[in-house]
Amino acid sequence: MTPPPTAATGLGPVPGVEELMADLPLSRPTDPTWGELAAANLPIFLADHAICEQQAALFGLSLVGHYPEDHELVVHMSALAAEEVAHLRRVTTLLHKRGLSLLGRRANPWVQGLRKHLDNSSNANLKVDRLCLGALIEARSCERFTCLLRVVQSTDPEVALLLQDLGPAEKRHWRLFIELARREAAQRSDDFDFDSRWQGWLKLEDELAAQGGKSPTVHG
């Protein structure tokens, strides 16, 4: 049996949240107290993190199922799903090492709020929106990982190393999603305004993020 992937040892420089936000599409930083809350409740965070990695892999594969004719999307999303599964294995290995268990699926109000914004009026609109949704989930995850990393880097090097490895992956993922969304919009023959639609998504995420930061879960 192939063992779960392991990370290289050693922590590098930790980026500031302000520095990270400048590179993310998000307009609202997470309240800094969330990092302290998550650090004080790492078993909850890690178990929820495992669920998020599972859902991210399933989301990538669902896009493959929805759009099998889109070769570029299939290649990228199947690779993304494989990477998310590798992340899942790392988190579950860490949980097991600490005598912690996985949790079942739970409600994620932040994601549920985003999903309500999906435009089902046409397949073309829905495809763009699904990709925008993926971009926002990965971007907010990247930001949250960095918030927590700054808190645990001196108290829990094992978790810090995990977060330092996964943060850049989330960054690559949100950029991939938005590139695919822009590509899809550019191929359309109608007057679809991608920038306007994307700004609507960012405004919604800002409103939802304002209600968060109160739970030690990844998007809580």
N, C-alpha and C. Protein backbone atom coordinates (compact mmCIF):
# COMPACT_ATOMS: atom_id res chain seq x y z
N MET A 1 0.85 -1.19 0.00
CA MET A 1 0.00 0.00 0.00
C MET A 1 0.88 1.24 0.00
N THR A 2 0.57 2.19 -0.86
CA THR A 2 1.35 3.42 -0.94
C THR A 2 1.04 4.30 0.24
N PRO A 3 2.06 4.77 0.97
CA PRO A 3 1.81 5.62 2.13
C PRO A 3 1.32 6.99 1.71
N PRO A 4 0.61 7.69 2.60
CA PRO A 4 0.16 9.04 2.29
C PRO A 4 1.33 9.96 1.99
N PRO A 5 1.13 10.96 1.13
CA PRO A 5 2.22 11.89 0.83
C PRO A 5 2.66 12.62 2.10
N THR A 6 3.93 12.93 2.19
CA THR A 6 4.44 13.68 3.32
C THR A 6 5.06 14.96 2.83
N ALA A 7 5.14 15.92 3.71
CA ALA A 7 5.69 17.23 3.33
C ALA A 7 7.17 17.29 3.67
N ALA A 8 7.85 18.18 3.00
CA ALA A 8 9.24 18.43 3.35
C ALA A 8 9.28 19.09 4.72
N THR A 9 10.37 18.88 5.43
CA THR A 9 10.47 19.45 6.76
C THR A 9 10.93 20.89 6.68
N GLY A 10 10.59 21.65 7.72
CA GLY A 10 11.05 23.03 7.80
C GLY A 10 9.99 24.00 7.37
N LEU A 11 9.84 25.07 8.16
CA LEU A 11 8.89 26.12 7.86
C LEU A 11 9.60 27.30 7.22
N GLY A 12 9.02 27.81 6.18
CA GLY A 12 9.57 28.99 5.54
C GLY A 12 8.89 30.24 6.07
N PRO A 13 9.17 31.40 5.46
CA PRO A 13 8.55 32.64 5.89
C PRO A 13 7.02 32.56 5.76
N VAL A 14 6.33 33.09 6.74
CA VAL A 14 4.87 33.08 6.72
C VAL A 14 4.38 34.43 6.21
N PRO A 15 3.61 34.47 5.12
CA PRO A 15 3.15 35.76 4.60
C PRO A 15 2.15 36.40 5.55
N GLY A 16 2.13 37.74 5.56
CA GLY A 16 1.14 38.45 6.35
C GLY A 16 -0.22 38.34 5.70
N VAL A 17 -1.25 38.45 6.50
CA VAL A 17 -2.61 38.39 5.96
C VAL A 17 -2.83 39.55 4.99
N GLU A 18 -2.31 40.72 5.32
CA GLU A 18 -2.47 41.88 4.44
C GLU A 18 -1.82 41.62 3.08
N GLU A 19 -0.62 41.03 3.13
CA GLU A 19 0.10 40.70 1.89
C GLU A 19 -0.69 39.70 1.07
N LEU A 20 -1.24 38.69 1.75
CA LEU A 20 -2.00 37.67 1.06
C LEU A 20 -3.28 38.25 0.45
N MET A 21 -3.99 39.09 1.21
CA MET A 21 -5.24 39.65 0.72
C MET A 21 -5.03 40.49 -0.54
N ALA A 22 -3.86 41.12 -0.63
CA ALA A 22 -3.57 41.93 -1.81
C ALA A 22 -3.50 41.08 -3.06
N ASP A 23 -3.24 39.80 -2.89
CA ASP A 23 -3.12 38.90 -4.04
C ASP A 23 -4.38 38.06 -4.25
N LEU A 24 -5.32 38.16 -3.31
CA LEU A 24 -6.57 37.40 -3.42
C LEU A 24 -7.68 38.31 -3.94
N PRO A 25 -8.73 37.73 -4.51
CA PRO A 25 -9.84 38.54 -5.00
C PRO A 25 -10.77 39.01 -3.89
N LEU A 26 -10.57 38.54 -2.67
CA LEU A 26 -11.47 38.84 -1.56
C LEU A 26 -11.31 40.28 -1.09
N SER A 27 -12.41 40.88 -0.68
CA SER A 27 -12.36 42.26 -0.22
C SER A 27 -12.42 42.38 1.29
N ARG A 28 -12.82 41.32 1.99
CA ARG A 28 -12.96 41.38 3.44
C ARG A 28 -12.05 40.35 4.11
N PRO A 29 -11.07 40.81 4.88
CA PRO A 29 -10.22 39.86 5.62
C PRO A 29 -11.01 39.21 6.74
N THR A 30 -10.64 38.00 7.08
CA THR A 30 -11.21 37.33 8.23
C THR A 30 -10.79 38.06 9.50
N ASP A 31 -11.70 38.17 10.45
CA ASP A 31 -11.37 38.77 11.74
C ASP A 31 -10.18 38.01 12.34
N PRO A 32 -9.12 38.71 12.75
CA PRO A 32 -7.93 38.03 13.29
C PRO A 32 -8.23 37.10 14.46
N THR A 33 -9.31 37.36 15.19
CA THR A 33 -9.63 36.50 16.33
C THR A 33 -10.02 35.10 15.89
N TRP A 34 -10.41 34.93 14.61
CA TRP A 34 -10.76 33.58 14.14
C TRP A 34 -9.55 32.67 14.23
N GLY A 35 -8.36 33.17 13.91
CA GLY A 35 -7.16 32.33 13.99
C GLY A 35 -6.93 31.82 15.39
N GLU A 36 -7.13 32.67 16.38
CA GLU A 36 -6.99 32.25 17.77
C GLU A 36 -8.05 31.21 18.13
N LEU A 37 -9.27 31.43 17.65
CA LEU A 37 -10.36 30.49 17.93
C LEU A 37 -10.07 29.12 17.32
N ALA A 38 -9.64 29.10 16.07
CA ALA A 38 -9.33 27.83 15.41
C ALA A 38 -8.14 27.14 16.07
N ALA A 39 -7.13 27.91 16.47
CA ALA A 39 -5.96 27.33 17.13
C ALA A 39 -6.32 26.70 18.47
N ALA A 40 -7.30 27.28 19.14
CA ALA A 40 -7.73 26.74 20.42
C ALA A 40 -8.65 25.53 20.27
N ASN A 41 -9.07 25.28 19.05
CA ASN A 41 -9.99 24.17 18.77
C ASN A 41 -9.51 23.37 17.55
N LEU A 42 -8.22 23.01 17.57
CA LEU A 42 -7.64 22.34 16.41
C LEU A 42 -8.32 21.01 16.06
N PRO A 43 -8.78 20.20 17.02
CA PRO A 43 -9.48 18.98 16.63
C PRO A 43 -10.70 19.26 15.76
N ILE A 44 -11.44 20.31 16.09
CA ILE A 44 -12.61 20.67 15.28
C ILE A 44 -12.16 21.17 13.91
N PHE A 45 -11.15 22.05 13.90
CA PHE A 45 -10.67 22.58 12.63
C PHE A 45 -10.17 21.48 11.72
N LEU A 46 -9.34 20.58 12.25
CA LEU A 46 -8.75 19.53 11.42
C LEU A 46 -9.81 18.57 10.87
N ALA A 47 -10.78 18.21 11.71
CA ALA A 47 -11.84 17.31 11.25
C ALA A 47 -12.67 17.99 10.16
N ASP A 48 -12.94 19.28 10.34
CA ASP A 48 -13.69 20.02 9.32
C ASP A 48 -12.86 20.20 8.07
N HIS A 49 -11.56 20.41 8.25
CA HIS A 49 -10.65 20.55 7.12
C HIS A 49 -10.69 19.29 6.25
N ALA A 50 -10.73 18.13 6.88
CA ALA A 50 -10.80 16.88 6.13
C ALA A 50 -12.07 16.82 5.29
N ILE A 51 -13.18 17.26 5.86
CA ILE A 51 -14.44 17.28 5.11
C ILE A 51 -14.31 18.22 3.91
N CYS A 52 -13.70 19.38 4.13
CA CYS A 52 -13.55 20.35 3.04
C CYS A 52 -12.69 19.78 1.90
N GLU A 53 -11.63 19.06 2.25
CA GLU A 53 -10.80 18.45 1.20
C GLU A 53 -11.59 17.40 0.42
N GLN A 54 -12.40 16.63 1.13
CA GLN A 54 -13.23 15.64 0.46
C GLN A 54 -14.21 16.32 -0.49
N GLN A 55 -14.86 17.37 0.00
CA GLN A 55 -15.83 18.07 -0.83
C GLN A 55 -15.18 18.75 -2.02
N ALA A 56 -13.96 19.26 -1.84
CA ALA A 56 -13.25 19.90 -2.94
C ALA A 56 -12.94 18.89 -4.05
N ALA A 57 -12.52 17.68 -3.65
CA ALA A 57 -12.26 16.63 -4.64
C ALA A 57 -13.54 16.25 -5.37
N LEU A 58 -14.62 16.11 -4.63
CA LEU A 58 -15.89 15.74 -5.24
C LEU A 58 -16.40 16.84 -6.17
N PHE A 59 -16.17 18.09 -5.79
CA PHE A 59 -16.60 19.20 -6.64
C PHE A 59 -15.85 19.17 -7.97
N GLY A 60 -14.53 18.96 -7.91
CA GLY A 60 -13.76 18.88 -9.14
C GLY A 60 -14.23 17.76 -10.04
N LEU A 61 -14.51 16.60 -9.45
CA LEU A 61 -14.99 15.46 -10.23
C LEU A 61 -16.40 15.70 -10.76
N SER A 62 -17.21 16.44 -10.00
CA SER A 62 -18.56 16.73 -10.48
C SER A 62 -18.51 17.60 -11.73
N LEU A 63 -17.54 18.52 -11.80
CA LEU A 63 -17.39 19.34 -13.00
C LEU A 63 -16.97 18.48 -14.20
N VAL A 64 -16.13 17.48 -13.94
CA VAL A 64 -15.77 16.54 -15.01
C VAL A 64 -17.03 15.84 -15.51
N GLY A 65 -17.90 15.44 -14.59
CA GLY A 65 -19.13 14.76 -14.97
C GLY A 65 -20.10 15.66 -15.70
N HIS A 66 -20.16 16.93 -15.30
CA HIS A 66 -21.08 17.86 -15.94
C HIS A 66 -20.62 18.25 -17.34
N TYR A 67 -19.29 18.35 -17.53
CA TYR A 67 -18.76 18.90 -18.79
C TYR A 67 -17.70 17.97 -19.39
N PRO A 68 -18.05 16.72 -19.69
CA PRO A 68 -17.05 15.77 -20.20
C PRO A 68 -16.50 16.15 -21.57
N GLU A 69 -17.22 17.00 -22.30
CA GLU A 69 -16.78 17.40 -23.64
C GLU A 69 -15.70 18.49 -23.58
N ASP A 70 -15.51 19.10 -22.43
CA ASP A 70 -14.55 20.19 -22.27
C ASP A 70 -13.22 19.58 -21.82
N HIS A 71 -12.37 19.27 -22.79
CA HIS A 71 -11.13 18.54 -22.50
C HIS A 71 -10.23 19.32 -21.53
N GLU A 72 -10.08 20.61 -21.74
CA GLU A 72 -9.20 21.40 -20.87
C GLU A 72 -9.71 21.36 -19.43
N LEU A 73 -10.99 21.53 -19.26
CA LEU A 73 -11.56 21.48 -17.91
C LEU A 73 -11.39 20.10 -17.30
N VAL A 74 -11.64 19.05 -18.08
CA VAL A 74 -11.50 17.68 -17.57
C VAL A 74 -10.08 17.42 -17.08
N VAL A 75 -9.09 17.84 -17.86
CA VAL A 75 -7.69 17.63 -17.48
C VAL A 75 -7.37 18.35 -16.18
N HIS A 76 -7.76 19.62 -16.10
CA HIS A 76 -7.43 20.42 -14.91
C HIS A 76 -8.20 19.95 -13.68
N MET A 77 -9.49 19.66 -13.84
CA MET A 77 -10.29 19.29 -12.68
C MET A 77 -9.97 17.89 -12.17
N SER A 78 -9.60 16.99 -13.04
CA SER A 78 -9.20 15.66 -12.58
C SER A 78 -7.89 15.75 -11.81
N ALA A 79 -6.98 16.62 -12.27
CA ALA A 79 -5.72 16.82 -11.54
C ALA A 79 -5.98 17.49 -10.20
N LEU A 80 -6.87 18.47 -10.19
CA LEU A 80 -7.22 19.15 -8.94
C LEU A 80 -7.82 18.16 -7.95
N ALA A 81 -8.73 17.32 -8.42
CA ALA A 81 -9.35 16.33 -7.54
C ALA A 81 -8.31 15.40 -6.94
N ALA A 82 -7.35 14.98 -7.75
CA ALA A 82 -6.30 14.09 -7.25
C ALA A 82 -5.47 14.79 -6.18
N GLU A 83 -5.19 16.07 -6.38
CA GLU A 83 -4.42 16.82 -5.39
C GLU A 83 -5.21 16.99 -4.10
N GLU A 84 -6.52 17.23 -4.22
CA GLU A 84 -7.35 17.37 -3.02
C GLU A 84 -7.42 16.05 -2.24
N VAL A 85 -7.44 14.94 -2.95
CA VAL A 85 -7.43 13.63 -2.27
C VAL A 85 -6.11 13.45 -1.53
N ALA A 86 -5.00 13.88 -2.13
CA ALA A 86 -3.71 13.80 -1.44
C ALA A 86 -3.73 14.65 -0.17
N HIS A 87 -4.36 15.81 -0.25
CA HIS A 87 -4.50 16.66 0.94
C HIS A 87 -5.35 15.97 1.99
N LEU A 88 -6.42 15.34 1.55
CA LEU A 88 -7.31 14.61 2.47
C LEU A 88 -6.52 13.53 3.21
N ARG A 89 -5.66 12.83 2.51
CA ARG A 89 -4.87 11.78 3.13
C ARG A 89 -3.92 12.35 4.17
N ARG A 90 -3.36 13.51 3.90
CA ARG A 90 -2.47 14.13 4.87
C ARG A 90 -3.22 14.53 6.14
N VAL A 91 -4.40 15.11 5.95
CA VAL A 91 -5.16 15.57 7.12
C VAL A 91 -5.66 14.38 7.93
N THR A 92 -6.15 13.34 7.24
CA THR A 92 -6.65 12.17 7.98
C THR A 92 -5.51 11.44 8.70
N THR A 93 -4.33 11.43 8.11
CA THR A 93 -3.17 10.83 8.78
C THR A 93 -2.84 11.61 10.05
N LEU A 94 -2.90 12.93 9.98
CA LEU A 94 -2.63 13.75 11.15
C LEU A 94 -3.70 13.55 12.23
N LEU A 95 -4.95 13.46 11.81
CA LEU A 95 -6.03 13.20 12.76
C LEU A 95 -5.81 11.87 13.48
N HIS A 96 -5.50 10.84 12.71
CA HIS A 96 -5.29 9.52 13.29
C HIS A 96 -4.11 9.53 14.27
N LYS A 97 -3.04 10.20 13.88
CA LYS A 97 -1.85 10.29 14.73
C LYS A 97 -2.18 10.92 16.07
N ARG A 98 -3.14 11.83 16.08
CA ARG A 98 -3.51 12.53 17.31
C ARG A 98 -4.70 11.89 18.02
N GLY A 99 -5.11 10.72 17.54
CA GLY A 99 -6.21 10.02 18.18
C GLY A 99 -7.56 10.67 17.94
N LEU A 100 -7.67 11.41 16.83
CA LEU A 100 -8.90 12.12 16.50
C LEU A 100 -9.61 11.40 15.35
N SER A 101 -10.90 11.60 15.25
CA SER A 101 -11.70 10.92 14.23
C SER A 101 -12.24 11.91 13.21
N LEU A 102 -12.54 11.37 12.04
CA LEU A 102 -13.24 12.15 11.02
C LEU A 102 -14.66 12.42 11.50
N LEU A 103 -15.24 13.46 10.95
CA LEU A 103 -16.63 13.76 11.22
C LEU A 103 -17.45 13.53 9.97
N GLY A 104 -18.76 13.36 10.14
CA GLY A 104 -19.64 13.23 8.98
C GLY A 104 -19.87 14.59 8.33
N ARG A 105 -20.57 14.59 7.23
CA ARG A 105 -20.86 15.84 6.54
C ARG A 105 -21.71 16.74 7.43
N ARG A 106 -21.46 18.05 7.32
CA ARG A 106 -22.19 19.01 8.12
C ARG A 106 -22.58 20.20 7.26
N ALA A 107 -23.53 20.97 7.76
CA ALA A 107 -23.97 22.15 7.03
C ALA A 107 -22.85 23.19 7.01
N ASN A 108 -22.68 23.85 5.88
CA ASN A 108 -21.70 24.91 5.73
C ASN A 108 -22.47 26.15 5.25
N PRO A 109 -22.95 26.99 6.18
CA PRO A 109 -23.79 28.13 5.80
C PRO A 109 -23.14 29.06 4.79
N TRP A 110 -21.81 29.23 4.88
CA TRP A 110 -21.12 30.11 3.94
C TRP A 110 -21.21 29.56 2.51
N VAL A 111 -20.92 28.28 2.34
CA VAL A 111 -21.02 27.68 1.01
C VAL A 111 -22.48 27.64 0.54
N GLN A 112 -23.39 27.33 1.46
CA GLN A 112 -24.80 27.31 1.09
C GLN A 112 -25.26 28.67 0.60
N GLY A 113 -24.77 29.73 1.24
CA GLY A 113 -25.12 31.08 0.81
C GLY A 113 -24.60 31.38 -0.58
N LEU A 114 -23.39 30.91 -0.88
CA LEU A 114 -22.83 31.10 -2.21
C LEU A 114 -23.61 30.31 -3.26
N ARG A 115 -23.97 29.09 -2.93
CA ARG A 115 -24.67 28.22 -3.90
C ARG A 115 -26.02 28.80 -4.31
N LYS A 116 -26.64 29.56 -3.44
CA LYS A 116 -27.93 30.16 -3.77
C LYS A 116 -27.81 31.17 -4.91
N HIS A 117 -26.58 31.60 -5.18
CA HIS A 117 -26.33 32.61 -6.21
C HIS A 117 -26.11 31.98 -7.59
N LEU A 118 -26.04 30.66 -7.65
CA LEU A 118 -25.84 29.99 -8.94
C LEU A 118 -27.00 30.30 -9.87
N ASP A 119 -26.68 30.66 -11.10
CA ASP A 119 -27.69 31.01 -12.10
C ASP A 119 -28.06 29.77 -12.91
N ASN A 120 -29.25 29.23 -12.64
CA ASN A 120 -29.70 28.04 -13.35
C ASN A 120 -30.53 28.36 -14.58
N SER A 121 -30.54 29.62 -15.00
CA SER A 121 -31.39 30.00 -16.13
C SER A 121 -30.89 29.45 -17.45
N SER A 122 -29.59 29.12 -17.51
CA SER A 122 -29.04 28.52 -18.73
C SER A 122 -27.82 27.70 -18.36
N ASN A 123 -27.51 26.70 -19.17
CA ASN A 123 -26.33 25.87 -18.91
C ASN A 123 -25.05 26.69 -19.01
N ALA A 124 -25.04 27.67 -19.92
CA ALA A 124 -23.84 28.49 -20.10
C ALA A 124 -23.58 29.35 -18.86
N ASN A 125 -24.63 29.96 -18.32
CA ASN A 125 -24.47 30.78 -17.12
C ASN A 125 -24.07 29.91 -15.93
N LEU A 126 -24.68 28.73 -15.82
CA LEU A 126 -24.41 27.86 -14.69
C LEU A 126 -22.95 27.39 -14.70
N LYS A 127 -22.41 27.11 -15.88
CA LYS A 127 -21.02 26.66 -15.95
C LYS A 127 -20.08 27.74 -15.45
N VAL A 128 -20.28 28.98 -15.89
CA VAL A 128 -19.44 30.08 -15.43
C VAL A 128 -19.57 30.24 -13.92
N ASP A 129 -20.80 30.17 -13.43
CA ASP A 129 -21.03 30.36 -12.00
C ASP A 129 -20.40 29.26 -11.16
N ARG A 130 -20.46 28.04 -11.64
CA ARG A 130 -19.83 26.95 -10.89
C ARG A 130 -18.33 27.19 -10.75
N LEU A 131 -17.72 27.71 -11.79
CA LEU A 131 -16.28 27.98 -11.75
C LEU A 131 -15.98 29.17 -10.83
N CYS A 132 -16.84 30.17 -10.84
CA CYS A 132 -16.67 31.30 -9.91
C CYS A 132 -16.81 30.83 -8.47
N LEU A 133 -17.76 29.95 -8.24
CA LEU A 133 -17.95 29.39 -6.90
C LEU A 133 -16.69 28.67 -6.44
N GLY A 134 -16.12 27.86 -7.32
CA GLY A 134 -14.89 27.16 -6.98
C GLY A 134 -13.76 28.12 -6.65
N ALA A 135 -13.66 29.20 -7.41
CA ALA A 135 -12.60 30.18 -7.16
C ALA A 135 -12.74 30.81 -5.78
N LEU A 136 -13.96 31.15 -5.40
CA LEU A 136 -14.17 31.79 -4.09
C LEU A 136 -13.90 30.83 -2.94
N ILE A 137 -14.31 29.59 -3.08
CA ILE A 137 -14.06 28.61 -2.02
C ILE A 137 -12.56 28.43 -1.81
N GLU A 138 -11.82 28.31 -2.90
CA GLU A 138 -10.37 28.12 -2.77
C GLU A 138 -9.68 29.38 -2.24
N ALA A 139 -10.14 30.55 -2.67
CA ALA A 139 -9.53 31.79 -2.22
C ALA A 139 -9.74 32.00 -0.73
N ARG A 140 -10.96 31.77 -0.24
CA ARG A 140 -11.22 31.97 1.19
C ARG A 140 -10.49 30.93 2.02
N SER A 141 -10.38 29.71 1.51
CA SER A 141 -9.63 28.67 2.22
C SER A 141 -8.16 29.08 2.35
N CYS A 142 -7.60 29.60 1.27
CA CYS A 142 -6.20 30.07 1.28
C CYS A 142 -6.02 31.13 2.34
N GLU A 143 -6.94 32.07 2.42
CA GLU A 143 -6.83 33.16 3.39
C GLU A 143 -6.95 32.64 4.82
N ARG A 144 -7.89 31.71 5.05
CA ARG A 144 -8.08 31.17 6.39
C ARG A 144 -6.85 30.36 6.84
N PHE A 145 -6.29 29.58 5.93
CA PHE A 145 -5.10 28.80 6.28
C PHE A 145 -3.97 29.72 6.72
N THR A 146 -3.84 30.86 6.03
CA THR A 146 -2.77 31.80 6.38
C THR A 146 -3.04 32.45 7.73
N CYS A 147 -4.30 32.77 8.01
CA CYS A 147 -4.66 33.33 9.32
C CYS A 147 -4.27 32.38 10.45
N LEU A 148 -4.60 31.11 10.27
CA LEU A 148 -4.30 30.13 11.32
C LEU A 148 -2.81 29.84 11.39
N LEU A 149 -2.16 29.80 10.25
CA LEU A 149 -0.72 29.53 10.21
C LEU A 149 0.05 30.52 11.07
N ARG A 150 -0.32 31.77 11.02
CA ARG A 150 0.39 32.79 11.78
C ARG A 150 0.25 32.57 13.28
N VAL A 151 -0.82 31.90 13.69
CA VAL A 151 -1.04 31.65 15.12
C VAL A 151 -0.29 30.40 15.58
N VAL A 152 -0.31 29.34 14.75
CA VAL A 152 0.21 28.05 15.21
C VAL A 152 1.67 27.80 14.83
N GLN A 153 2.28 28.72 14.09
CA GLN A 153 3.64 28.46 13.60
C GLN A 153 4.64 28.22 14.74
N SER A 154 4.40 28.83 15.91
CA SER A 154 5.32 28.67 17.02
C SER A 154 4.82 27.67 18.07
N THR A 155 3.57 27.23 17.95
CA THR A 155 3.00 26.34 18.97
C THR A 155 2.73 24.93 18.46
N ASP A 156 2.52 24.79 17.16
CA ASP A 156 2.21 23.47 16.59
C ASP A 156 2.84 23.37 15.22
N PRO A 157 4.16 23.10 15.15
CA PRO A 157 4.86 23.05 13.87
C PRO A 157 4.27 22.04 12.88
N GLU A 158 3.69 20.96 13.38
CA GLU A 158 3.13 19.94 12.50
C GLU A 158 1.94 20.49 11.72
N VAL A 159 1.04 21.16 12.41
CA VAL A 159 -0.11 21.77 11.74
C VAL A 159 0.35 22.94 10.89
N ALA A 160 1.33 23.69 11.38
CA ALA A 160 1.84 24.83 10.62
C ALA A 160 2.42 24.38 9.29
N LEU A 161 3.16 23.27 9.28
CA LEU A 161 3.74 22.78 8.04
C LEU A 161 2.65 22.36 7.06
N LEU A 162 1.61 21.72 7.57
CA LEU A 162 0.48 21.34 6.72
C LEU A 162 -0.14 22.57 6.07
N LEU A 163 -0.40 23.60 6.87
CA LEU A 163 -1.03 24.81 6.36
C LEU A 163 -0.12 25.54 5.38
N GLN A 164 1.18 25.56 5.67
CA GLN A 164 2.11 26.24 4.77
C GLN A 164 2.16 25.55 3.41
N ASP A 165 2.01 24.25 3.39
CA ASP A 165 2.00 23.51 2.12
C ASP A 165 0.70 23.71 1.36
N LEU A 166 -0.42 23.72 2.09
CA LEU A 166 -1.72 23.75 1.44
C LEU A 166 -2.12 25.15 0.99
N GLY A 167 -1.63 26.18 1.68
CA GLY A 167 -1.98 27.54 1.29
C GLY A 167 -1.65 27.85 -0.17
N PRO A 168 -0.41 27.59 -0.61
CA PRO A 168 -0.07 27.84 -2.02
C PRO A 168 -0.90 27.00 -2.99
N ALA A 169 -1.29 25.80 -2.58
CA ALA A 169 -2.13 24.96 -3.44
C ALA A 169 -3.49 25.62 -3.64
N GLU A 170 -4.06 26.16 -2.56
CA GLU A 170 -5.35 26.84 -2.67
C GLU A 170 -5.21 28.07 -3.58
N LYS A 171 -4.09 28.72 -3.50
CA LYS A 171 -3.85 29.89 -4.36
C LYS A 171 -3.85 29.48 -5.82
N ARG A 172 -3.15 28.40 -6.14
CA ARG A 172 -3.14 27.91 -7.53
C ARG A 172 -4.55 27.52 -7.97
N HIS A 173 -5.29 26.93 -7.06
CA HIS A 173 -6.62 26.44 -7.41
C HIS A 173 -7.59 27.58 -7.72
N TRP A 174 -7.59 28.63 -6.89
CA TRP A 174 -8.54 29.71 -7.17
C TRP A 174 -8.20 30.39 -8.49
N ARG A 175 -6.90 30.51 -8.77
CA ARG A 175 -6.51 31.12 -10.04
C ARG A 175 -6.92 30.24 -11.23
N LEU A 176 -6.82 28.94 -11.06
CA LEU A 176 -7.23 28.03 -12.12
C LEU A 176 -8.73 28.16 -12.38
N PHE A 177 -9.51 28.18 -11.33
CA PHE A 177 -10.96 28.30 -11.50
C PHE A 177 -11.33 29.59 -12.22
N ILE A 178 -10.72 30.69 -11.82
CA ILE A 178 -11.10 31.96 -12.44
C ILE A 178 -10.62 32.04 -13.88
N GLU A 179 -9.48 31.42 -14.18
CA GLU A 179 -9.00 31.38 -15.57
C GLU A 179 -9.97 30.58 -16.44
N LEU A 180 -10.45 29.46 -15.93
CA LEU A 180 -11.40 28.66 -16.68
C LEU A 180 -12.73 29.40 -16.85
N ALA A 181 -13.13 30.14 -15.83
CA ALA A 181 -14.37 30.91 -15.94
C ALA A 181 -14.23 32.01 -16.99
N ARG A 182 -13.11 32.72 -16.99
CA ARG A 182 -12.89 33.77 -17.98
C ARG A 182 -12.80 33.18 -19.39
N ARG A 183 -12.16 32.04 -19.50
CA ARG A 183 -12.07 31.37 -20.81
C ARG A 183 -13.46 31.02 -21.32
N GLU A 184 -14.29 30.49 -20.43
CA GLU A 184 -15.64 30.10 -20.81
C GLU A 184 -16.44 31.32 -21.25
N ALA A 185 -16.33 32.42 -20.52
CA ALA A 185 -17.07 33.63 -20.88
C ALA A 185 -16.58 34.19 -22.22
N ALA A 186 -15.28 34.12 -22.47
CA ALA A 186 -14.72 34.66 -23.71
C ALA A 186 -15.17 33.87 -24.93
N GLN A 187 -15.54 32.62 -24.75
CA GLN A 187 -15.97 31.78 -25.87
C GLN A 187 -17.44 31.98 -26.23
N ARG A 188 -18.15 32.72 -25.41
CA ARG A 188 -19.58 32.90 -25.65
C ARG A 188 -19.83 33.92 -26.75
N SER A 189 -20.93 33.72 -27.48
CA SER A 189 -21.27 34.62 -28.59
C SER A 189 -22.29 35.67 -28.18
N ASP A 190 -22.80 35.59 -26.94
CA ASP A 190 -23.79 36.58 -26.50
C ASP A 190 -23.08 37.75 -25.82
N ASP A 191 -23.84 38.63 -25.19
CA ASP A 191 -23.27 39.82 -24.56
C ASP A 191 -23.03 39.62 -23.07
N PHE A 192 -22.75 38.39 -22.65
CA PHE A 192 -22.51 38.08 -21.26
C PHE A 192 -21.34 38.91 -20.73
N ASP A 193 -21.55 39.60 -19.61
CA ASP A 193 -20.53 40.46 -19.00
C ASP A 193 -19.91 39.73 -17.82
N PHE A 194 -18.76 39.10 -18.07
CA PHE A 194 -18.14 38.31 -17.00
C PHE A 194 -17.72 39.17 -15.83
N ASP A 195 -17.09 40.31 -16.09
CA ASP A 195 -16.59 41.14 -15.00
C ASP A 195 -17.72 41.57 -14.07
N SER A 196 -18.85 41.92 -14.63
CA SER A 196 -20.00 42.30 -13.81
C SER A 196 -20.48 41.13 -12.97
N ARG A 197 -20.53 39.95 -13.58
CA ARG A 197 -20.98 38.77 -12.85
C ARG A 197 -20.01 38.42 -11.73
N TRP A 198 -18.72 38.51 -12.01
CA TRP A 198 -17.70 38.21 -11.00
C TRP A 198 -17.77 39.20 -9.85
N GLN A 199 -18.00 40.47 -10.15
CA GLN A 199 -18.13 41.46 -9.08
C GLN A 199 -19.34 41.17 -8.20
N GLY A 200 -20.41 40.65 -8.81
CA GLY A 200 -21.57 40.25 -8.02
C GLY A 200 -21.23 39.12 -7.06
N TRP A 201 -20.44 38.17 -7.52
CA TRP A 201 -20.00 37.08 -6.66
C TRP A 201 -19.14 37.62 -5.51
N LEU A 202 -18.23 38.54 -5.80
CA LEU A 202 -17.36 39.09 -4.77
C LEU A 202 -18.17 39.86 -3.73
N LYS A 203 -19.18 40.60 -4.17
CA LYS A 203 -20.03 41.34 -3.24
C LYS A 203 -20.77 40.38 -2.31
N LEU A 204 -21.29 39.31 -2.88
CA LEU A 204 -22.01 38.32 -2.07
C LEU A 204 -21.06 37.68 -1.06
N GLU A 205 -19.87 37.31 -1.49
CA GLU A 205 -18.92 36.68 -0.58
C GLU A 205 -18.55 37.63 0.55
N ASP A 206 -18.40 38.90 0.24
CA ASP A 206 -18.11 39.89 1.26
C ASP A 206 -19.21 39.92 2.32
N GLU A 207 -20.45 39.89 1.87
CA GLU A 207 -21.58 39.93 2.80
C GLU A 207 -21.62 38.68 3.67
N LEU A 208 -21.34 37.54 3.07
CA LEU A 208 -21.35 36.29 3.83
C LEU A 208 -20.17 36.22 4.79
N ALA A 209 -19.01 36.71 4.35
CA ALA A 209 -17.82 36.69 5.20
C ALA A 209 -18.01 37.58 6.42
N ALA A 210 -18.79 38.64 6.27
CA ALA A 210 -19.04 39.54 7.40
C ALA A 210 -19.79 38.85 8.53
N GLN A 211 -20.49 37.77 8.20
CA GLN A 211 -21.26 37.02 9.20
C GLN A 211 -20.44 35.89 9.82
N GLY A 212 -19.24 35.65 9.29
CA GLY A 212 -18.43 34.51 9.73
C GLY A 212 -17.39 34.89 10.75
N GLY A 213 -16.41 33.98 10.90
CA GLY A 213 -15.34 34.19 11.86
C GLY A 213 -15.71 33.86 13.28
N LYS A 214 -16.81 33.14 13.46
CA LYS A 214 -17.30 32.84 14.81
C LYS A 214 -17.22 31.36 15.15
N SER A 215 -16.78 30.54 14.20
CA SER A 215 -16.67 29.10 14.42
C SER A 215 -15.27 28.66 14.00
N PRO A 216 -14.69 27.65 14.68
CA PRO A 216 -13.33 27.21 14.34
C PRO A 216 -13.25 26.34 13.09
N THR A 217 -14.35 26.22 12.35
CA THR A 217 -14.32 25.47 11.10
C THR A 217 -13.66 26.29 10.01
N VAL A 218 -13.29 25.66 8.91
CA VAL A 218 -12.54 26.34 7.85
C VAL A 218 -13.27 27.57 7.33
N HIS A 219 -14.56 27.44 7.11
CA HIS A 219 -15.35 28.57 6.59
C HIS A 219 -16.33 29.13 7.60
N GLY A 220 -16.17 28.75 8.89
CA GLY A 220 -17.11 29.17 9.91
C GLY A 220 -16.95 30.63 10.31
